[in-house]
Full PDB file with SEQRES, HELIX, SHEET, SSBOND, CRYST1, ORIGX, SCALE, CONECT and MASTER records, all heavy atoms in Angstrom:
SEQRES   1 A   37  THR ASP ASN GLY MET ARG PRO THR GLY VAL ARG LEU ILE          
SEQRES   2 A   37  PRO MET ARG ASP VAL ASP ALA LEU GLU ASN ALA ILE THR          
SEQRES   3 A   37  GLU GLN LEU ALA ILE PRO GLY ILE ARG THR PRO                  
HELIX    1 AA1 VAL A   18  LEU A   29  1                                  12    
CRYST1    1.000    1.000    1.000  90.00  90.00  90.00 P 1           1          
ORIGX1      1.000000  0.000000  0.000000        0.00000                         
ORIGX2      0.000000  1.000000  0.000000        0.00000                         
ORIGX3      0.000000  0.000000  1.000000        0.00000                         
SCALE1      1.000000  0.000000  0.000000        0.00000                         
SCALE2      0.000000  1.000000  0.000000        0.00000                         
SCALE3      0.000000  0.000000  1.000000        0.00000                         
ATOM      1  N   THR A   1       0.280   2.479  -7.110  1.00  0.00           N  
ATOM      2  CA  THR A   1       1.289   3.415  -7.573  1.00  0.00           C  
ATOM      3  C   THR A   1       0.814   4.848  -7.315  1.00  0.00           C  
ATOM      4  O   THR A   1      -0.350   5.176  -7.544  1.00  0.00           O  
ATOM      5  CB  THR A   1       1.522   3.216  -9.078  1.00  0.00           C  
ATOM      6  OG1 THR A   1       1.855   1.846  -9.327  1.00  0.00           O  
ATOM      7  CG2 THR A   1       2.647   4.106  -9.564  1.00  0.00           C  
ATOM      8  N   ASP A   2       1.717   5.673  -6.835  1.00  0.00           N  
ATOM      9  CA  ASP A   2       1.382   7.068  -6.541  1.00  0.00           C  
ATOM     10  C   ASP A   2       1.233   7.842  -7.852  1.00  0.00           C  
ATOM     11  O   ASP A   2       2.206   8.062  -8.572  1.00  0.00           O  
ATOM     12  CB  ASP A   2       2.484   7.686  -5.688  1.00  0.00           C  
ATOM     13  CG  ASP A   2       2.133   9.083  -5.199  1.00  0.00           C  
ATOM     14  OD1 ASP A   2       1.061   9.597  -5.580  1.00  0.00           O  
ATOM     15  OD2 ASP A   2       2.932   9.650  -4.441  1.00  0.00           O  
ATOM     16  N   ASN A   3       0.005   8.239  -8.173  1.00  0.00           N  
ATOM     17  CA  ASN A   3      -0.233   9.020  -9.389  1.00  0.00           C  
ATOM     18  C   ASN A   3      -0.649  10.453  -9.072  1.00  0.00           C  
ATOM     19  O   ASN A   3      -1.092  11.192  -9.951  1.00  0.00           O  
ATOM     20  CB  ASN A   3      -1.305   8.348 -10.258  1.00  0.00           C  
ATOM     21  CG  ASN A   3      -2.683   8.361  -9.603  1.00  0.00           C  
ATOM     22  OD1 ASN A   3      -2.816   8.703  -8.424  1.00  0.00           O  
ATOM     23  ND2 ASN A   3      -3.688   7.989 -10.352  1.00  0.00           N  
ATOM     24  N   GLY A   4      -0.549  10.827  -7.788  1.00  0.00           N  
ATOM     25  CA  GLY A   4      -0.872  12.188  -7.397  1.00  0.00           C  
ATOM     26  C   GLY A   4      -2.339  12.453  -7.165  1.00  0.00           C  
ATOM     27  O   GLY A   4      -2.705  13.589  -6.844  1.00  0.00           O  
ATOM     28  N   MET A   5      -3.185  11.417  -7.299  1.00  0.00           N  
ATOM     29  CA  MET A   5      -4.621  11.653  -7.132  1.00  0.00           C  
ATOM     30  C   MET A   5      -5.335  10.484  -6.464  1.00  0.00           C  
ATOM     31  O   MET A   5      -6.533  10.311  -6.615  1.00  0.00           O  
ATOM     32  CB  MET A   5      -5.268  11.968  -8.485  1.00  0.00           C  
ATOM     33  CG  MET A   5      -5.207  10.849  -9.488  1.00  0.00           C  
ATOM     34  SD  MET A   5      -5.901  11.298 -11.108  1.00  0.00           S  
ATOM     35  CE  MET A   5      -4.521  12.166 -11.834  1.00  0.00           C  
ATOM     36  N   ARG A   6      -4.610   9.667  -5.718  1.00  0.00           N  
ATOM     37  CA  ARG A   6      -5.256   8.549  -5.033  1.00  0.00           C  
ATOM     38  C   ARG A   6      -6.077   9.063  -3.844  1.00  0.00           C  
ATOM     39  O   ARG A   6      -5.691  10.035  -3.185  1.00  0.00           O  
ATOM     40  CB  ARG A   6      -4.216   7.550  -4.521  1.00  0.00           C  
ATOM     41  CG  ARG A   6      -3.360   6.909  -5.592  1.00  0.00           C  
ATOM     42  CD  ARG A   6      -4.136   6.064  -6.544  1.00  0.00           C  
ATOM     43  NE  ARG A   6      -3.249   5.362  -7.475  1.00  0.00           N  
ATOM     44  CZ  ARG A   6      -3.650   4.771  -8.580  1.00  0.00           C  
ATOM     45  NH1 ARG A   6      -4.938   4.804  -8.916  1.00  0.00           N  
ATOM     46  NH2 ARG A   6      -2.794   4.162  -9.374  1.00  0.00           N  
ATOM     47  N   PRO A   7      -7.191   8.407  -3.550  1.00  0.00           N  
ATOM     48  CA  PRO A   7      -7.994   8.827  -2.396  1.00  0.00           C  
ATOM     49  C   PRO A   7      -7.305   8.487  -1.085  1.00  0.00           C  
ATOM     50  O   PRO A   7      -6.386   7.655  -1.026  1.00  0.00           O  
ATOM     51  CB  PRO A   7      -9.295   8.036  -2.568  1.00  0.00           C  
ATOM     52  CG  PRO A   7      -8.934   6.872  -3.425  1.00  0.00           C  
ATOM     53  CD  PRO A   7      -7.835   7.335  -4.322  1.00  0.00           C  
ATOM     54  N   THR A   8      -7.759   9.121  -0.026  1.00  0.00           N  
ATOM     55  CA  THR A   8      -7.227   8.862   1.308  1.00  0.00           C  
ATOM     56  C   THR A   8      -7.426   7.395   1.674  1.00  0.00           C  
ATOM     57  O   THR A   8      -8.480   6.814   1.413  1.00  0.00           O  
ATOM     58  CB  THR A   8      -7.950   9.734   2.344  1.00  0.00           C  
ATOM     59  OG1 THR A   8      -7.795  11.104   1.972  1.00  0.00           O  
ATOM     60  CG2 THR A   8      -7.397   9.513   3.731  1.00  0.00           C  
ATOM     61  N   GLY A   9      -6.406   6.796   2.288  1.00  0.00           N  
ATOM     62  CA  GLY A   9      -6.508   5.418   2.721  1.00  0.00           C  
ATOM     63  C   GLY A   9      -5.722   4.448   1.869  1.00  0.00           C  
ATOM     64  O   GLY A   9      -5.574   3.277   2.225  1.00  0.00           O  
ATOM     65  N   VAL A  10      -5.184   4.917   0.730  1.00  0.00           N  
ATOM     66  CA  VAL A  10      -4.397   4.061  -0.147  1.00  0.00           C  
ATOM     67  C   VAL A  10      -2.931   4.091   0.290  1.00  0.00           C  
ATOM     68  O   VAL A  10      -2.379   5.154   0.587  1.00  0.00           O  
ATOM     69  CB  VAL A  10      -4.509   4.528  -1.616  1.00  0.00           C  
ATOM     70  CG1 VAL A  10      -3.577   3.729  -2.515  1.00  0.00           C  
ATOM     71  CG2 VAL A  10      -5.949   4.405  -2.098  1.00  0.00           C  
ATOM     72  N   ARG A  11      -2.299   2.919   0.346  1.00  0.00           N  
ATOM     73  CA  ARG A  11      -0.863   2.842   0.623  1.00  0.00           C  
ATOM     74  C   ARG A  11      -0.127   3.041  -0.698  1.00  0.00           C  
ATOM     75  O   ARG A  11      -0.290   2.255  -1.634  1.00  0.00           O  
ATOM     76  CB  ARG A  11      -0.514   1.479   1.234  1.00  0.00           C  
ATOM     77  CG  ARG A  11       0.945   1.335   1.644  1.00  0.00           C  
ATOM     78  CD  ARG A  11       1.202  -0.048   2.192  1.00  0.00           C  
ATOM     79  NE  ARG A  11       0.599  -0.215   3.493  1.00  0.00           N  
ATOM     80  CZ  ARG A  11       1.250  -0.219   4.645  1.00  0.00           C  
ATOM     81  NH1 ARG A  11       2.559  -0.040   4.648  1.00  0.00           N  
ATOM     82  NH2 ARG A  11       0.626  -0.402   5.782  1.00  0.00           N  
ATOM     83  N   LEU A  12       0.672   4.098  -0.793  1.00  0.00           N  
ATOM     84  CA  LEU A  12       1.291   4.496  -2.050  1.00  0.00           C  
ATOM     85  C   LEU A  12       2.692   3.936  -2.199  1.00  0.00           C  
ATOM     86  O   LEU A  12       3.455   3.834  -1.231  1.00  0.00           O  
ATOM     87  CB  LEU A  12       1.345   6.020  -2.142  1.00  0.00           C  
ATOM     88  CG  LEU A  12       0.005   6.753  -2.051  1.00  0.00           C  
ATOM     89  CD1 LEU A  12       0.234   8.255  -2.029  1.00  0.00           C  
ATOM     90  CD2 LEU A  12      -0.903   6.367  -3.208  1.00  0.00           C  
ATOM     91  N   ILE A  13       3.038   3.565  -3.460  1.00  0.00           N  
ATOM     92  CA  ILE A  13       4.379   3.090  -3.783  1.00  0.00           C  
ATOM     93  C   ILE A  13       4.855   3.802  -5.047  1.00  0.00           C  
ATOM     94  O   ILE A  13       4.042   4.274  -5.847  1.00  0.00           O  
ATOM     95  CB  ILE A  13       4.420   1.558  -3.999  1.00  0.00           C  
ATOM     96  CG1 ILE A  13       3.468   1.161  -5.134  1.00  0.00           C  
ATOM     97  CG2 ILE A  13       4.091   0.822  -2.707  1.00  0.00           C  
ATOM     98  CD1 ILE A  13       3.615  -0.294  -5.573  1.00  0.00           C  
ATOM     99  N   PRO A  14       6.181   3.876  -5.259  1.00  0.00           N  
ATOM    100  CA  PRO A  14       6.688   4.480  -6.505  1.00  0.00           C  
ATOM    101  C   PRO A  14       6.377   3.583  -7.704  1.00  0.00           C  
ATOM    102  O   PRO A  14       6.125   2.383  -7.566  1.00  0.00           O  
ATOM    103  CB  PRO A  14       8.197   4.573  -6.263  1.00  0.00           C  
ATOM    104  CG  PRO A  14       8.400   4.339  -4.812  1.00  0.00           C  
ATOM    105  CD  PRO A  14       7.255   3.498  -4.347  1.00  0.00           C  
ATOM    106  N   MET A  15       6.438   4.169  -8.872  1.00  0.00           N  
ATOM    107  CA  MET A  15       6.223   3.434 -10.109  1.00  0.00           C  
ATOM    108  C   MET A  15       7.359   2.444 -10.375  1.00  0.00           C  
ATOM    109  O   MET A  15       8.528   2.744 -10.118  1.00  0.00           O  
ATOM    110  CB  MET A  15       6.112   4.439 -11.264  1.00  0.00           C  
ATOM    111  CG  MET A  15       5.768   3.858 -12.608  1.00  0.00           C  
ATOM    112  SD  MET A  15       5.892   5.114 -13.918  1.00  0.00           S  
ATOM    113  CE  MET A  15       4.844   6.408 -13.248  1.00  0.00           C  
ATOM    114  N   ARG A  16       7.015   1.246 -10.856  1.00  0.00           N  
ATOM    115  CA  ARG A  16       7.970   0.235 -11.324  1.00  0.00           C  
ATOM    116  C   ARG A  16       9.016  -0.121 -10.265  1.00  0.00           C  
ATOM    117  O   ARG A  16      10.198  -0.277 -10.566  1.00  0.00           O  
ATOM    118  CB  ARG A  16       8.672   0.708 -12.602  1.00  0.00           C  
ATOM    119  CG  ARG A  16       7.705   1.144 -13.699  1.00  0.00           C  
ATOM    120  CD  ARG A  16       8.420   1.475 -14.985  1.00  0.00           C  
ATOM    121  NE  ARG A  16       7.540   2.177 -15.910  1.00  0.00           N  
ATOM    122  CZ  ARG A  16       7.835   2.468 -17.160  1.00  0.00           C  
ATOM    123  NH1 ARG A  16       9.007   2.126 -17.654  1.00  0.00           N  
ATOM    124  NH2 ARG A  16       6.976   3.117 -17.935  1.00  0.00           N  
ATOM    125  N   ASP A  17       8.588  -0.254  -9.030  1.00  0.00           N  
ATOM    126  CA  ASP A  17       9.510  -0.554  -7.929  1.00  0.00           C  
ATOM    127  C   ASP A  17       9.014  -1.804  -7.222  1.00  0.00           C  
ATOM    128  O   ASP A  17       8.175  -1.734  -6.313  1.00  0.00           O  
ATOM    129  CB  ASP A  17       9.567   0.638  -6.969  1.00  0.00           C  
ATOM    130  CG  ASP A  17      10.680   0.507  -5.943  1.00  0.00           C  
ATOM    131  OD1 ASP A  17      11.057  -0.638  -5.622  1.00  0.00           O  
ATOM    132  OD2 ASP A  17      11.154   1.547  -5.441  1.00  0.00           O  
ATOM    133  N   VAL A  18       9.528  -2.975  -7.632  1.00  0.00           N  
ATOM    134  CA  VAL A  18       9.043  -4.233  -7.073  1.00  0.00           C  
ATOM    135  C   VAL A  18       9.442  -4.376  -5.607  1.00  0.00           C  
ATOM    136  O   VAL A  18       8.723  -5.006  -4.809  1.00  0.00           O  
ATOM    137  CB  VAL A  18       9.537  -5.427  -7.919  1.00  0.00           C  
ATOM    138  CG1 VAL A  18      11.024  -5.630  -7.759  1.00  0.00           C  
ATOM    139  CG2 VAL A  18       8.752  -6.692  -7.591  1.00  0.00           C  
ATOM    140  N   ASP A  19      10.584  -3.784  -5.199  1.00  0.00           N  
ATOM    141  CA  ASP A  19      10.984  -3.839  -3.790  1.00  0.00           C  
ATOM    142  C   ASP A  19       9.983  -3.081  -2.921  1.00  0.00           C  
ATOM    143  O   ASP A  19       9.601  -3.558  -1.844  1.00  0.00           O  
ATOM    144  CB  ASP A  19      12.387  -3.252  -3.602  1.00  0.00           C  
ATOM    145  CG  ASP A  19      13.471  -4.095  -4.258  1.00  0.00           C  
ATOM    146  OD1 ASP A  19      13.277  -5.322  -4.365  1.00  0.00           O  
ATOM    147  OD2 ASP A  19      14.488  -3.526  -4.678  1.00  0.00           O  
ATOM    148  N   ALA A  20       9.574  -1.910  -3.375  1.00  0.00           N  
ATOM    149  CA  ALA A  20       8.593  -1.128  -2.622  1.00  0.00           C  
ATOM    150  C   ALA A  20       7.254  -1.862  -2.563  1.00  0.00           C  
ATOM    151  O   ALA A  20       6.570  -1.843  -1.531  1.00  0.00           O  
ATOM    152  CB  ALA A  20       8.415   0.241  -3.259  1.00  0.00           C  
ATOM    153  N   LEU A  21       6.882  -2.515  -3.654  1.00  0.00           N  
ATOM    154  CA  LEU A  21       5.632  -3.282  -3.668  1.00  0.00           C  
ATOM    155  C   LEU A  21       5.702  -4.433  -2.677  1.00  0.00           C  
ATOM    156  O   LEU A  21       4.759  -4.661  -1.904  1.00  0.00           O  
ATOM    157  CB  LEU A  21       5.368  -3.811  -5.076  1.00  0.00           C  
ATOM    158  CG  LEU A  21       4.112  -4.669  -5.252  1.00  0.00           C  
ATOM    159  CD1 LEU A  21       2.855  -3.908  -4.849  1.00  0.00           C  
ATOM    160  CD2 LEU A  21       4.011  -5.175  -6.691  1.00  0.00           C  
ATOM    161  N   GLU A  22       6.821  -5.141  -2.662  1.00  0.00           N  
ATOM    162  CA  GLU A  22       6.993  -6.248  -1.707  1.00  0.00           C  
ATOM    163  C   GLU A  22       6.899  -5.747  -0.264  1.00  0.00           C  
ATOM    164  O   GLU A  22       6.192  -6.331   0.567  1.00  0.00           O  
ATOM    165  CB  GLU A  22       8.349  -6.921  -1.931  1.00  0.00           C  
ATOM    166  CG  GLU A  22       8.636  -8.022  -0.908  1.00  0.00           C  
ATOM    167  CD  GLU A  22      10.082  -8.472  -0.908  1.00  0.00           C  
ATOM    168  OE1 GLU A  22      10.886  -7.931  -1.696  1.00  0.00           O  
ATOM    169  OE2 GLU A  22      10.412  -9.366  -0.090  1.00  0.00           O  
ATOM    170  N   ASN A  23       7.597  -4.662   0.042  1.00  0.00           N  
ATOM    171  CA  ASN A  23       7.582  -4.137   1.407  1.00  0.00           C  
ATOM    172  C   ASN A  23       6.177  -3.706   1.818  1.00  0.00           C  
ATOM    173  O   ASN A  23       5.740  -3.951   2.947  1.00  0.00           O  
ATOM    174  CB  ASN A  23       8.547  -2.952   1.522  1.00  0.00           C  
ATOM    175  CG  ASN A  23      10.001  -3.375   1.388  1.00  0.00           C  
ATOM    176  OD1 ASN A  23      10.338  -4.537   1.630  1.00  0.00           O  
ATOM    177  ND2 ASN A  23      10.851  -2.446   0.985  1.00  0.00           N  
ATOM    178  N   ALA A  24       5.453  -3.062   0.886  1.00  0.00           N  
ATOM    179  CA  ALA A  24       4.104  -2.601   1.212  1.00  0.00           C  
ATOM    180  C   ALA A  24       3.167  -3.774   1.475  1.00  0.00           C  
ATOM    181  O   ALA A  24       2.360  -3.742   2.413  1.00  0.00           O  
ATOM    182  CB  ALA A  24       3.564  -1.740   0.073  1.00  0.00           C  
ATOM    183  N   ILE A  25       3.276  -4.821   0.668  1.00  0.00           N  
ATOM    184  CA  ILE A  25       2.419  -5.999   0.867  1.00  0.00           C  
ATOM    185  C   ILE A  25       2.757  -6.673   2.187  1.00  0.00           C  
ATOM    186  O   ILE A  25       1.870  -7.033   2.970  1.00  0.00           O  
ATOM    187  CB  ILE A  25       2.581  -6.996  -0.308  1.00  0.00           C  
ATOM    188  CG1 ILE A  25       2.026  -6.400  -1.604  1.00  0.00           C  
ATOM    189  CG2 ILE A  25       1.862  -8.312   0.006  1.00  0.00           C  
ATOM    190  CD1 ILE A  25       2.335  -7.236  -2.845  1.00  0.00           C  
ATOM    191  N   THR A  26       4.053  -6.845   2.449  1.00  0.00           N  
ATOM    192  CA  THR A  26       4.481  -7.505   3.688  1.00  0.00           C  
ATOM    193  C   THR A  26       4.000  -6.728   4.911  1.00  0.00           C  
ATOM    194  O   THR A  26       3.478  -7.313   5.878  1.00  0.00           O  
ATOM    195  CB  THR A  26       6.019  -7.621   3.711  1.00  0.00           C  
ATOM    196  OG1 THR A  26       6.443  -8.386   2.587  1.00  0.00           O  
ATOM    197  CG2 THR A  26       6.482  -8.305   4.997  1.00  0.00           C  
ATOM    198  N   GLU A  27       4.153  -5.410   4.877  1.00  0.00           N  
ATOM    199  CA  GLU A  27       3.707  -4.594   6.013  1.00  0.00           C  
ATOM    200  C   GLU A  27       2.192  -4.635   6.168  1.00  0.00           C  
ATOM    201  O   GLU A  27       1.677  -4.698   7.291  1.00  0.00           O  
ATOM    202  CB  GLU A  27       4.184  -3.148   5.821  1.00  0.00           C  
ATOM    203  CG  GLU A  27       5.690  -2.984   5.929  1.00  0.00           C  
ATOM    204  CD  GLU A  27       6.154  -1.594   5.538  1.00  0.00           C  
ATOM    205  OE1 GLU A  27       5.269  -0.723   5.300  1.00  0.00           O  
ATOM    206  OE2 GLU A  27       7.384  -1.371   5.454  1.00  0.00           O  
ATOM    207  N   GLN A  28       1.485  -4.619   5.052  1.00  0.00           N  
ATOM    208  CA  GLN A  28       0.024  -4.641   5.131  1.00  0.00           C  
ATOM    209  C   GLN A  28      -0.486  -5.957   5.697  1.00  0.00           C  
ATOM    210  O   GLN A  28      -1.395  -5.983   6.533  1.00  0.00           O  
ATOM    211  CB  GLN A  28      -0.579  -4.408   3.740  1.00  0.00           C  
ATOM    212  CG  GLN A  28      -2.094  -4.324   3.736  1.00  0.00           C  
ATOM    213  CD  GLN A  28      -2.617  -3.187   4.589  1.00  0.00           C  
ATOM    214  OE1 GLN A  28      -2.270  -2.027   4.373  1.00  0.00           O  
ATOM    215  NE2 GLN A  28      -3.438  -3.498   5.578  1.00  0.00           N  
ATOM    216  N   LEU A  29       0.099  -7.061   5.261  1.00  0.00           N  
ATOM    217  CA  LEU A  29      -0.344  -8.368   5.736  1.00  0.00           C  
ATOM    218  C   LEU A  29      -0.009  -8.587   7.212  1.00  0.00           C  
ATOM    219  O   LEU A  29      -0.606  -9.445   7.862  1.00  0.00           O  
ATOM    220  CB  LEU A  29       0.279  -9.481   4.891  1.00  0.00           C  
ATOM    221  CG  LEU A  29      -0.198  -9.557   3.433  1.00  0.00           C  
ATOM    222  CD1 LEU A  29       0.562 -10.644   2.688  1.00  0.00           C  
ATOM    223  CD2 LEU A  29      -1.700  -9.825   3.375  1.00  0.00           C  
ATOM    224  N   ALA A  30       0.942  -7.805   7.730  1.00  0.00           N  
ATOM    225  CA  ALA A  30       1.324  -7.939   9.144  1.00  0.00           C  
ATOM    226  C   ALA A  30       0.387  -7.171  10.066  1.00  0.00           C  
ATOM    227  O   ALA A  30       0.465  -7.315  11.294  1.00  0.00           O  
ATOM    228  CB  ALA A  30       2.758  -7.452   9.350  1.00  0.00           C  
ATOM    229  N   ILE A  31      -0.516  -6.379   9.493  1.00  0.00           N  
ATOM    230  CA  ILE A  31      -1.424  -5.566  10.305  1.00  0.00           C  
ATOM    231  C   ILE A  31      -2.636  -6.399  10.692  1.00  0.00           C  
ATOM    232  O   ILE A  31      -3.391  -6.854   9.826  1.00  0.00           O  
ATOM    233  CB  ILE A  31      -1.890  -4.309   9.544  1.00  0.00           C  
ATOM    234  CG1 ILE A  31      -0.684  -3.426   9.196  1.00  0.00           C  
ATOM    235  CG2 ILE A  31      -2.914  -3.532  10.362  1.00  0.00           C  
ATOM    236  CD1 ILE A  31      -1.021  -2.237   8.336  1.00  0.00           C  
ATOM    237  N   PRO A  32      -2.828  -6.651  11.990  1.00  0.00           N  
ATOM    238  CA  PRO A  32      -4.007  -7.415  12.407  1.00  0.00           C  
ATOM    239  C   PRO A  32      -5.234  -6.514  12.470  1.00  0.00           C  
ATOM    240  O   PRO A  32      -5.151  -5.292  12.305  1.00  0.00           O  
ATOM    241  CB  PRO A  32      -3.627  -7.887  13.816  1.00  0.00           C  
ATOM    242  CG  PRO A  32      -2.735  -6.784  14.323  1.00  0.00           C  
ATOM    243  CD  PRO A  32      -2.001  -6.243  13.127  1.00  0.00           C  
ATOM    244  N   GLY A  33      -6.378  -7.114  12.688  1.00  0.00           N  
ATOM    245  CA  GLY A  33      -7.571  -6.308  12.911  1.00  0.00           C  
ATOM    246  C   GLY A  33      -8.694  -6.639  11.953  1.00  0.00           C  
ATOM    247  O   GLY A  33      -8.521  -7.372  10.975  1.00  0.00           O  
ATOM    248  N   ILE A  34      -9.848  -6.088  12.263  1.00  0.00           N  
ATOM    249  CA  ILE A  34     -11.051  -6.316  11.472  1.00  0.00           C  
ATOM    250  C   ILE A  34     -11.175  -5.222  10.431  1.00  0.00           C  
ATOM    251  O   ILE A  34     -10.911  -4.055  10.695  1.00  0.00           O  
ATOM    252  CB  ILE A  34     -12.299  -6.318  12.379  1.00  0.00           C  
ATOM    253  CG1 ILE A  34     -12.151  -7.413  13.426  1.00  0.00           C  
ATOM    254  CG2 ILE A  34     -13.567  -6.499  11.566  1.00  0.00           C  
ATOM    255  CD1 ILE A  34     -13.234  -7.396  14.468  1.00  0.00           C  
ATOM    256  N   ARG A  35     -11.586  -5.607   9.238  1.00  0.00           N  
ATOM    257  CA  ARG A  35     -11.778  -4.631   8.172  1.00  0.00           C  
ATOM    258  C   ARG A  35     -12.905  -3.670   8.476  1.00  0.00           C  
ATOM    259  O   ARG A  35     -13.901  -4.041   9.063  1.00  0.00           O  
ATOM    260  CB  ARG A  35     -12.147  -5.368   6.891  1.00  0.00           C  
ATOM    261  CG  ARG A  35     -11.009  -6.067   6.279  1.00  0.00           C  
ATOM    262  CD  ARG A  35     -11.243  -6.007   4.803  1.00  0.00           C  
ATOM    263  NE  ARG A  35     -10.512  -7.071   4.196  1.00  0.00           N  
ATOM    264  CZ  ARG A  35     -10.904  -7.649   3.093  1.00  0.00           C  
ATOM    265  NH1 ARG A  35     -12.020  -7.308   2.538  1.00  0.00           N  
ATOM    266  NH2 ARG A  35     -10.178  -8.565   2.549  1.00  0.00           N  
ATOM    267  N   THR A  36     -12.735  -2.455   8.031  1.00  0.00           N  
ATOM    268  CA  THR A  36     -13.798  -1.462   8.149  1.00  0.00           C  
ATOM    269  C   THR A  36     -14.147  -0.923   6.774  1.00  0.00           C  
ATOM    270  O   THR A  36     -13.408  -0.097   6.247  1.00  0.00           O  
ATOM    271  CB  THR A  36     -13.359  -0.303   9.061  1.00  0.00           C  
ATOM    272  OG1 THR A  36     -11.976  -0.033   8.842  1.00  0.00           O  
ATOM    273  CG2 THR A  36     -13.616  -0.600  10.482  1.00  0.00           C  
ATOM    274  N   PRO A  37     -15.238  -1.424   6.188  1.00  0.00           N  
ATOM    275  CA  PRO A  37     -15.674  -0.871   4.905  1.00  0.00           C  
ATOM    276  C   PRO A  37     -15.894   0.627   5.002  1.00  0.00           C  
ATOM    277  O   PRO A  37     -16.360   1.127   6.017  1.00  0.00           O  
ATOM    278  CB  PRO A  37     -16.986  -1.613   4.628  1.00  0.00           C  
ATOM    279  CG  PRO A  37     -16.858  -2.890   5.394  1.00  0.00           C  
ATOM    280  CD  PRO A  37     -16.080  -2.532   6.627  1.00  0.00           C  
TER     281      PRO A  37                                                      
MASTER        0    0    0    1    0    0    0    6  280    1    0    3          
END                                                                             
């Protein structure tokens, strides 16, 4: 949830918005590639 102070690299969504949460998860899971800690 966007609280105005998240660090760089976080995918932000509005508060209490399950549709936005679903879309963000779906888009994130569709991204291929190797993780970079």
